[in-house]
N, C-alpha and C. Protein backbone atom coordinates (compact mmCIF):
# COMPACT_ATOMS: atom_id res chain seq x y z
N MET A 1 -25.83 -0.83 -46.71
CA MET A 1 -25.13 -0.43 -45.99
C MET A 1 -23.52 0.12 -46.81
N MET A 2 -23.22 1.13 -46.26
CA MET A 2 -22.28 1.70 -47.06
C MET A 2 -21.36 1.67 -47.60
N LEU A 3 -20.41 0.35 -46.92
CA LEU A 3 -19.41 -0.47 -47.71
C LEU A 3 -19.88 -0.58 -48.92
N ASP A 4 -21.44 -1.34 -49.07
CA ASP A 4 -21.49 -2.32 -50.13
C ASP A 4 -21.86 -1.23 -51.45
N ARG A 5 -22.33 0.05 -50.69
CA ARG A 5 -22.37 1.24 -51.67
C ARG A 5 -21.68 1.71 -52.36
N HIS A 6 -20.58 1.57 -51.53
CA HIS A 6 -19.44 2.21 -52.09
C HIS A 6 -18.90 1.55 -53.01
N LEU A 7 -19.04 0.17 -52.80
CA LEU A 7 -18.27 -0.83 -53.64
C LEU A 7 -19.19 -0.75 -55.18
N MET A 8 -19.78 -0.75 -55.33
CA MET A 8 -20.61 -0.94 -56.38
C MET A 8 -20.62 0.04 -57.11
N GLY A 9 -20.65 1.31 -56.34
CA GLY A 9 -19.90 2.82 -56.67
C GLY A 9 -19.16 3.14 -57.81
N LEU A 10 -17.65 2.18 -56.63
CA LEU A 10 -16.29 1.42 -57.51
C LEU A 10 -16.36 0.81 -58.69
N GLY A 11 -17.77 -0.56 -59.25
CA GLY A 11 -17.50 -0.92 -60.25
C GLY A 11 -16.82 -2.46 -59.53
N LYS A 12 -17.00 -2.65 -58.25
CA LYS A 12 -16.27 -3.60 -57.59
C LYS A 12 -17.46 -4.80 -56.80
N PRO A 13 -17.32 -5.59 -56.69
CA PRO A 13 -18.30 -6.51 -56.17
C PRO A 13 -18.73 -5.98 -54.90
N GLN A 14 -19.93 -6.07 -54.32
CA GLN A 14 -20.03 -5.87 -52.70
C GLN A 14 -19.55 -7.38 -51.85
N VAL A 15 -20.16 -6.85 -50.43
CA VAL A 15 -19.78 -7.91 -49.70
C VAL A 15 -20.38 -8.64 -48.80
N TYR A 16 -21.96 -7.56 -48.57
CA TYR A 16 -22.83 -8.26 -48.02
C TYR A 16 -24.22 -8.21 -48.92
N GLY A 17 -24.05 -7.84 -49.64
CA GLY A 17 -25.16 -8.06 -51.09
C GLY A 17 -26.43 -7.03 -50.65
N THR A 18 -26.41 -6.13 -50.12
CA THR A 18 -27.32 -5.19 -49.81
C THR A 18 -27.75 -4.46 -50.77
N GLN A 19 -26.93 -4.02 -51.86
CA GLN A 19 -27.66 -3.32 -52.98
C GLN A 19 -28.27 -3.52 -54.03
N GLY A 20 -29.38 -3.14 -54.42
CA GLY A 20 -29.61 -3.40 -55.57
C GLY A 20 -29.55 -2.49 -56.99
N ARG A 21 -29.76 -2.67 -58.56
CA ARG A 21 -28.93 -2.19 -59.17
C ARG A 21 -30.38 -1.85 -60.55
N SER A 22 -30.80 -0.98 -61.57
CA SER A 22 -31.12 -1.56 -62.26
C SER A 22 -30.49 -0.26 -63.87
N TYR A 23 -30.57 -0.91 -64.75
CA TYR A 23 -30.26 -0.05 -65.76
C TYR A 23 -31.08 0.57 -67.00
N SER A 24 -31.87 1.76 -67.13
CA SER A 24 -32.48 1.85 -68.61
C SER A 24 -33.99 1.25 -68.50
N GLY A 25 -34.42 0.99 -67.33
CA GLY A 25 -35.41 0.44 -67.48
C GLY A 25 -35.59 -0.84 -67.10
N GLN A 26 -34.31 -1.61 -67.01
CA GLN A 26 -34.44 -2.78 -67.10
C GLN A 26 -34.68 -3.47 -65.69
N ALA A 27 -34.83 -4.71 -65.62
CA ALA A 27 -35.28 -5.60 -64.21
C ALA A 27 -33.95 -5.33 -63.48
N ALA A 28 -34.35 -4.71 -61.99
CA ALA A 28 -33.74 -4.36 -61.52
C ALA A 28 -32.90 -5.81 -60.80
N PHE A 29 -31.70 -5.76 -59.92
CA PHE A 29 -31.13 -6.65 -59.65
C PHE A 29 -29.59 -6.23 -58.84
N ILE A 30 -29.38 -7.54 -57.80
CA ILE A 30 -28.54 -7.11 -56.55
C ILE A 30 -27.29 -7.45 -57.28
N TRP A 31 -26.39 -6.06 -57.10
CA TRP A 31 -25.06 -5.73 -57.72
C TRP A 31 -24.76 -7.53 -57.56
N PRO A 32 -23.59 -7.42 -58.27
CA PRO A 32 -22.76 -8.87 -57.84
C PRO A 32 -22.37 -8.68 -56.37
N ILE A 33 -21.41 -9.92 -55.49
CA ILE A 33 -21.32 -10.24 -54.88
C ILE A 33 -19.98 -10.89 -54.62
N GLU A 34 -19.03 -10.57 -53.83
CA GLU A 34 -17.69 -11.45 -53.44
C GLU A 34 -18.41 -12.73 -53.03
N ASP A 35 -17.49 -13.62 -53.23
CA ASP A 35 -17.79 -14.92 -52.70
C ASP A 35 -19.37 -15.03 -52.74
N PRO A 36 -19.95 -15.09 -53.68
CA PRO A 36 -21.48 -14.93 -53.75
C PRO A 36 -21.61 -16.62 -52.53
N ALA A 37 -21.30 -18.08 -52.84
CA ALA A 37 -21.16 -19.24 -51.98
C ALA A 37 -20.93 -19.16 -50.79
N HIS A 38 -20.53 -17.71 -50.20
CA HIS A 38 -20.50 -18.01 -48.91
C HIS A 38 -21.17 -16.93 -48.00
N ILE A 39 -22.09 -16.09 -49.28
CA ILE A 39 -22.89 -14.81 -48.69
C ILE A 39 -23.32 -14.75 -47.53
N ASN A 40 -24.32 -15.99 -47.36
CA ASN A 40 -25.35 -16.00 -46.40
C ASN A 40 -24.38 -16.31 -44.47
N GLU A 41 -23.75 -16.92 -45.17
CA GLU A 41 -22.57 -16.97 -43.51
C GLU A 41 -21.84 -16.19 -43.21
N ARG A 42 -21.17 -15.14 -44.14
CA ARG A 42 -20.80 -13.79 -43.84
C ARG A 42 -21.88 -12.44 -43.37
N ARG A 43 -23.20 -12.74 -43.94
CA ARG A 43 -23.81 -11.75 -43.60
C ARG A 43 -24.29 -11.83 -42.04
N LYS A 44 -24.50 -13.03 -41.70
CA LYS A 44 -25.07 -13.72 -40.65
C LYS A 44 -23.98 -13.10 -39.33
N LYS A 45 -22.91 -13.35 -39.98
CA LYS A 45 -21.30 -13.13 -38.85
C LYS A 45 -21.48 -11.47 -38.75
N ALA A 46 -21.75 -10.86 -39.79
CA ALA A 46 -22.08 -9.41 -39.62
C ALA A 46 -23.54 -8.98 -39.03
N GLY A 47 -23.73 -9.78 -39.05
CA GLY A 47 -25.49 -9.50 -38.01
C GLY A 47 -26.64 -9.11 -38.82
N PHE A 48 -26.19 -9.33 -39.69
CA PHE A 48 -27.87 -9.15 -40.68
C PHE A 48 -28.44 -10.47 -40.37
N GLU A 49 -29.92 -10.40 -40.50
CA GLU A 49 -30.97 -11.38 -39.59
C GLU A 49 -31.07 -11.62 -41.00
N LEU A 50 -31.67 -11.41 -42.18
CA LEU A 50 -31.77 -11.69 -43.62
C LEU A 50 -30.91 -12.57 -44.31
N SER A 51 -30.98 -13.13 -44.62
CA SER A 51 -30.56 -14.40 -45.91
C SER A 51 -30.26 -12.92 -46.87
N VAL A 52 -28.94 -13.07 -47.91
CA VAL A 52 -29.49 -12.32 -49.19
C VAL A 52 -30.82 -12.31 -50.33
N GLU A 53 -31.31 -13.56 -49.99
CA GLU A 53 -32.60 -14.49 -51.04
C GLU A 53 -33.75 -13.44 -50.44
N ASP A 54 -33.37 -13.36 -48.45
CA ASP A 54 -35.11 -12.77 -48.15
C ASP A 54 -34.92 -11.16 -48.31
N ASN A 55 -33.36 -10.79 -48.38
CA ASN A 55 -33.22 -9.32 -48.22
C ASN A 55 -33.37 -8.88 -49.99
N ALA A 56 -33.24 -9.40 -50.59
CA ALA A 56 -33.75 -9.08 -51.95
C ALA A 56 -35.10 -9.34 -52.27
N LYS A 57 -36.12 -9.88 -51.70
CA LYS A 57 -37.60 -10.25 -51.25
C LYS A 57 -37.89 -9.07 -51.43
N CYS A 58 -37.16 -8.56 -49.84
CA CYS A 58 -37.46 -6.86 -49.78
C CYS A 58 -37.63 -6.04 -50.39
N LEU A 59 -36.88 -6.30 -51.36
CA LEU A 59 -36.34 -5.19 -52.33
C LEU A 59 -36.77 -4.91 -53.39
N HIS A 60 -37.66 -6.79 -53.40
CA HIS A 60 -38.58 -6.98 -54.85
C HIS A 60 -38.04 -6.48 -56.35
N ILE A 61 -36.48 -7.50 -55.55
CA ILE A 61 -35.43 -7.73 -56.52
C ILE A 61 -35.81 -9.61 -56.29
N PRO A 62 -36.16 -9.74 -57.75
CA PRO A 62 -35.68 -11.47 -57.40
C PRO A 62 -33.79 -11.65 -57.31
N TYR A 63 -33.60 -12.56 -56.59
CA TYR A 63 -32.20 -12.94 -56.81
C TYR A 63 -31.67 -13.67 -57.21
N GLN A 64 -30.34 -13.52 -58.13
CA GLN A 64 -29.23 -14.20 -58.88
C GLN A 64 -28.07 -13.89 -58.55
N VAL A 65 -27.43 -14.75 -58.75
CA VAL A 65 -25.59 -14.77 -58.64
C VAL A 65 -25.18 -14.44 -59.79
N LEU A 66 -25.15 -13.17 -60.13
CA LEU A 66 -24.06 -12.20 -61.27
C LEU A 66 -22.67 -12.16 -61.23
N THR A 67 -22.40 -11.88 -62.12
CA THR A 67 -20.29 -11.25 -62.68
C THR A 67 -20.65 -10.05 -62.68
N LEU A 68 -19.66 -9.35 -62.51
CA LEU A 68 -19.14 -8.12 -63.02
C LEU A 68 -19.55 -8.14 -64.78
N ASN A 69 -19.31 -8.94 -65.14
CA ASN A 69 -18.98 -9.21 -66.61
C ASN A 69 -20.83 -9.18 -67.25
N ASP A 70 -21.45 -10.04 -66.12
CA ASP A 70 -22.64 -10.03 -66.84
C ASP A 70 -23.40 -8.93 -66.53
N VAL A 71 -23.03 -8.18 -65.54
CA VAL A 71 -23.60 -6.14 -65.43
C VAL A 71 -23.34 -5.80 -66.60
N ARG A 72 -21.83 -5.77 -67.22
CA ARG A 72 -20.83 -5.18 -68.05
C ARG A 72 -22.12 -5.38 -69.43
N LYS A 73 -22.62 -6.41 -69.67
CA LYS A 73 -23.43 -6.73 -70.64
C LYS A 73 -24.63 -6.49 -70.62
N MET A 74 -24.98 -5.64 -69.58
CA MET A 74 -26.33 -5.60 -69.67
C MET A 74 -26.94 -4.01 -70.27
N PRO A 75 -27.88 -3.85 -71.41
CA PRO A 75 -28.57 -2.88 -71.60
C PRO A 75 -28.07 -1.32 -71.06
N GLY A 76 -27.43 -0.88 -70.93
CA GLY A 76 -27.75 0.76 -70.68
C GLY A 76 -26.28 0.92 -69.25
N TYR A 77 -25.27 -0.24 -69.48
CA TYR A 77 -24.56 -0.35 -68.18
C TYR A 77 -23.75 0.73 -69.32
N GLN A 78 -23.34 1.66 -67.78
CA GLN A 78 -22.14 2.52 -67.39
C GLN A 78 -21.47 2.67 -66.87
N PRO A 79 -20.01 2.25 -67.35
CA PRO A 79 -18.95 2.74 -66.42
C PRO A 79 -18.95 3.09 -65.45
N PRO A 80 -18.48 2.81 -63.92
CA PRO A 80 -18.69 3.78 -62.86
C PRO A 80 -17.71 5.10 -63.30
N ALA A 81 -18.14 6.55 -62.76
CA ALA A 81 -17.07 7.55 -63.13
C ALA A 81 -16.13 7.61 -61.79
N HIS A 82 -14.78 7.62 -62.39
CA HIS A 82 -14.04 7.63 -61.59
C HIS A 82 -13.41 9.31 -60.78
């Protein structure tokens, strides 16, 4: 989804959990999500058929809740260019 991709590019949490990422050959991950405790409710209201967990499986990414601070500590992390 374009909104999530745009937010990820700005280094901000995504709304719907549609975007995955990896750094320097590290395992891929789902980019941090705003209010992850309510992500599947938000996805359902927006018309997504799959949960964030099932969407991650389709992307071959094991889903785990990450924060932006977790991502910043990853090897190869590069802050977004503004």
